[in-house]
Each structure stands twice: as C-alpha cells, then as structure tokens.
C-alpha cells in the first residue's frame, strides 16, 4: 500500500482507525497491536493500542498478575514501524515487512490491562532492502519500553515460497 492510498484512509482529523490499520498490516485481528495511528509522516509515526482488560494472551502470561507481555509491547512498536515503512516506501509489488533484528530493547515499566500503549517510532536509516528504526512506548506519558530494530522488505511471493520449504521438511 502506498502513501496516497494510506492518506485516503485517514478520517477527518487525519487519524487512521483500526479498520484502516488492519488494511495496511497483514495480521489478523488477534495479532493486531495497533488500534489507531494519530500521527504519520515520512519519518515518524505515533500509534496507540488499547490494552484489553481481558484477553487470552494477557490472562495466560502470568497467572497471578495481569500485564501485557513485554514481547507483545515490542510487537506493537514494530507494527507501528511497519505502518511507517509502508507510508514511506513505494514498493513495486506486494511486499511484506518482517523483523530481522531487535537490539537494545529495554523494558522500563509494565503496561496493564486497560492502559493505552502509545508507540513513537522513527526511521534512522532506510534502503531498498530494509530499514533501521528506533522507538519508545509510553503509558500515561511514562516510558515503558525502548528499542532499536531492523525490518527487512521481502516480496510476498518470496516469503510464501520460503515458508513453504519449512512445511515440506
């Protein structure tokens, strides 16, 4: 999806709602950790995820205390970054964006059911093969996560062929 197509999905306040985000990201609803995008430019994005009060993933993480799993907080950050990459890049054919490296991920505070996780992501470097992004996530203005991560661009057809090789083993 290109920049013009994404811009057409914005509401009257310039926000991308959940349906718009769902049309950009290739994930099913159960694995969608971006509910809206309130700011999107060629170099940065601000996205929100409303952590459900109850969900199978949260309830199963720790049986004695509910909190959003840290790796899913990182996934929310990466998904915001993927929206940014699709906005920034002009892919000539259907392309998926996959995580290839995560470094310097730091969990600073928990994110709890009912919280709104706000992801701020910016591009540090980008080329035709992938991008390096940095991001921070916040709850009520307090930083809960920071990370640097690399995303790789792969043609959807190539990704499907690559994954099918593992199914044949």
Protein backbone atom coordinates (compact mmCIF):
# COMPACT_ATOMS: atom_id res chain seq x y z
CA UNK A 1 0.00 0.00 0.00
CA UNK A 2 1.43 3.37 -0.96
CA UNK A 3 1.35 6.80 0.69
CA UNK A 4 -1.62 8.10 -1.33
CA UNK A 5 -3.71 5.02 -0.53
CA UNK A 6 -2.89 5.37 3.17
CA UNK A 7 -3.70 9.09 3.17
CA UNK A 8 -7.13 8.27 1.72
CA UNK A 9 -7.83 6.05 4.76
CA UNK A 10 -7.42 8.93 7.25
CA UNK A 11 -10.53 10.28 8.95
CA UNK A 12 -11.41 14.00 9.07
CA UNK A 13 -8.88 14.55 11.91
CA UNK A 14 -6.11 12.77 10.00
CA UNK A 15 -6.27 9.63 12.18
CA UNK A 16 -6.01 6.10 10.84
CA UNK A 17 -8.57 4.00 12.72
CA UNK A 18 -8.43 0.27 13.39
CA UNK A 19 -10.06 -0.68 10.09
CA UNK A 20 -7.53 1.44 8.18
CA UNK A 21 -4.61 -0.03 10.16
CA UNK A 22 -5.97 -3.52 9.52
CA UNK A 23 -5.91 -2.87 5.78
CA UNK A 24 -2.23 -1.82 5.97
CA UNK A 25 -0.87 -4.55 8.26
CA UNK A 26 -1.06 -8.19 7.13
CA UNK A 27 -2.22 -9.55 10.51
CA UNK A 28 -5.48 -10.99 11.76
CA UNK A 29 -7.36 -9.17 14.50
CA UNK A 30 -6.00 -11.44 17.26
CA UNK A 31 -2.44 -10.35 16.43
CA UNK A 32 -3.08 -6.67 15.71
CA UNK A 33 -1.41 -4.47 18.35
CA UNK A 34 -2.14 -1.08 16.76
CA UNK A 35 -5.67 0.30 17.16
CA UNK A 36 -5.04 3.72 15.66
CA UNK A 37 -2.37 6.00 14.23
CA UNK A 38 -2.66 9.62 15.37
CA UNK A 39 0.45 10.94 13.58
CA UNK A 40 2.17 9.70 10.43
CA UNK A 41 4.87 11.39 8.35
CA UNK A 42 7.65 10.10 6.09
CA UNK A 43 9.99 9.75 9.09
CA UNK A 44 7.88 9.05 12.18
CA UNK A 45 4.66 7.56 13.48
CA UNK A 46 2.66 7.71 16.70
CA UNK A 47 0.30 4.78 17.22
CA UNK A 48 -1.98 3.65 20.02
CA UNK A 49 -3.02 0.25 21.33
CA UNK A 50 -5.79 -0.08 23.87
CA UNK A 51 -4.68 -2.99 26.04
CA UNK A 52 -7.78 -5.12 26.60
CA UNK A 53 -8.99 -5.58 30.16
CA UNK A 54 -9.14 -9.31 29.48
CA UNK A 55 -7.59 -11.38 26.71
CA UNK A 56 -6.25 -14.92 26.41
CA UNK A 57 -2.68 -13.69 25.92
CA UNK A 58 -2.69 -11.35 28.90
CA UNK A 59 -4.53 -13.79 31.19
CA UNK A 60 -2.08 -16.60 30.32
CA UNK A 61 1.12 -14.55 30.67
CA UNK A 62 1.33 -14.63 34.45
CA UNK A 63 -1.49 -16.48 36.20
CA UNK A 64 -1.10 -14.39 39.37
CA UNK A 65 -0.90 -10.87 37.86
CA UNK A 66 -2.17 -9.43 34.59
CA UNK A 67 0.12 -7.33 32.42
CA UNK A 68 0.89 -7.08 28.73
CA UNK A 69 3.78 -9.40 27.82
CA UNK A 70 6.93 -7.39 27.07
CA UNK A 71 7.49 -9.11 23.74
CA UNK A 72 4.00 -8.03 22.67
CA UNK A 73 4.82 -4.45 23.70
CA UNK A 74 7.79 -4.80 21.34
CA UNK A 75 5.49 -6.25 18.66
CA UNK A 76 3.21 -3.20 18.99
CA UNK A 77 6.24 -0.96 18.46
CA UNK A 78 7.29 -2.98 15.39
CA UNK A 79 3.76 -2.91 13.93
CA UNK A 80 3.71 0.88 14.24
CA UNK A 81 7.06 0.88 12.42
CA UNK A 82 5.64 -1.29 9.65
CA UNK A 83 2.83 1.23 9.09
CA UNK A 84 5.54 3.91 8.82
CA UNK A 85 7.54 1.86 6.30
CA UNK A 86 4.50 1.29 4.10
CA UNK A 87 3.82 5.02 4.18
CA UNK A 88 7.41 5.91 3.36
CA UNK A 89 8.21 3.27 0.74
CA UNK A 90 6.98 2.79 -2.80
CA UNK A 91 7.07 -0.98 -3.26
CA UNK A 92 6.66 -2.05 -6.89
CA UNK A 93 4.92 -5.30 -5.95
CA UNK A 94 3.17 -6.78 -2.91
CA UNK A 95 5.82 -6.67 -0.17
CA UNK A 96 5.84 -7.77 3.46
CA UNK A 97 7.96 -6.12 6.11
CA UNK A 98 9.43 -8.51 8.68
CA UNK A 99 11.59 -8.03 11.74
CA UNK A 100 15.16 -9.19 11.25
CA UNK A 101 16.98 -7.78 14.30
CA UNK A 102 15.93 -6.37 17.65
CA UNK A 103 18.61 -4.74 19.76
CA UNK A 104 18.75 -2.67 22.88
CA UNK A 105 15.17 -3.49 23.87
CA UNK A 106 14.61 -2.23 27.38
CA UNK A 107 11.50 -2.82 29.45
CA UNK A 108 11.17 0.03 31.92
CA UNK A 109 7.69 -0.40 33.43
CA UNK A 110 4.68 -2.68 32.98
CA UNK A 111 1.73 -1.94 30.71
CA UNK A 112 -1.50 -3.11 32.32
CA UNK A 113 -4.93 -4.15 31.08
CA UNK A 114 -6.98 -1.02 30.39
CA UNK A 115 -3.88 1.10 29.65
CA UNK A 116 -3.32 2.83 26.32
CA UNK A 117 0.12 1.95 24.96
CA UNK A 118 1.43 4.79 22.79
CA UNK A 119 4.24 3.88 20.37
CA UNK A 120 6.56 6.55 18.92
CA UNK A 121 8.76 5.19 16.10
CA UNK A 122 11.20 6.93 13.77
CA UNK A 123 13.37 5.82 10.86
CA UNK A 124 17.12 6.00 11.46
CA UNK A 125 18.21 4.51 8.12
CA UNK A 126 16.46 3.03 5.10
CA UNK A 127 17.45 1.49 1.76
CA UNK A 128 15.86 -0.81 -0.81
CA UNK A 129 16.43 -3.91 1.38
CA UNK A 130 15.22 -2.72 4.75
CA UNK A 131 15.24 -0.12 7.50
CA UNK A 132 16.56 0.55 11.00
CA UNK A 133 14.06 2.12 13.35
CA UNK A 134 14.09 3.32 16.94
CA UNK A 135 11.09 3.60 19.14
CA UNK A 136 9.73 4.24 22.57
CA UNK A 137 6.41 3.23 24.08
CA UNK A 138 4.57 5.17 26.76
CA UNK A 139 1.66 4.69 29.16
CA UNK A 140 0.22 7.91 30.60
CA UNK A 141 3.32 9.79 29.45
CA UNK A 142 5.72 7.41 31.23
CA UNK A 143 8.20 5.46 29.10
CA UNK A 144 7.65 1.70 29.40
CA UNK A 145 9.80 0.39 26.52
CA UNK A 146 12.59 1.48 24.19
CA UNK A 147 14.14 -0.42 21.30
CA UNK A 148 16.14 -0.29 18.10
CA UNK A 149 15.09 -2.78 15.44
CA UNK A 150 15.71 -3.67 11.83
CA UNK A 151 12.97 -4.52 9.34
CA UNK A 152 13.59 -6.40 6.11
CA UNK A 153 11.50 -5.98 2.96
CA UNK A 154 10.53 -9.22 1.23
CA UNK A 155 8.26 -9.78 -1.74
CA UNK A 156 5.15 -11.63 -0.56
CA UNK A 157 5.61 -14.36 -3.18
CA UNK A 158 9.18 -14.97 -1.95
CA UNK A 159 8.05 -15.09 1.69
CA UNK A 160 5.38 -17.68 0.89
CA UNK A 161 7.89 -19.78 -1.08
CA UNK A 162 10.45 -19.52 1.74
CA UNK A 163 7.98 -20.58 4.43
CA UNK A 164 6.64 -23.45 2.29
CA UNK A 165 10.12 -25.03 2.27
CA UNK A 166 9.87 -25.45 6.03
CA UNK A 167 6.46 -27.09 5.75
CA UNK A 168 7.94 -29.75 3.45
CA UNK A 169 10.57 -30.97 5.91
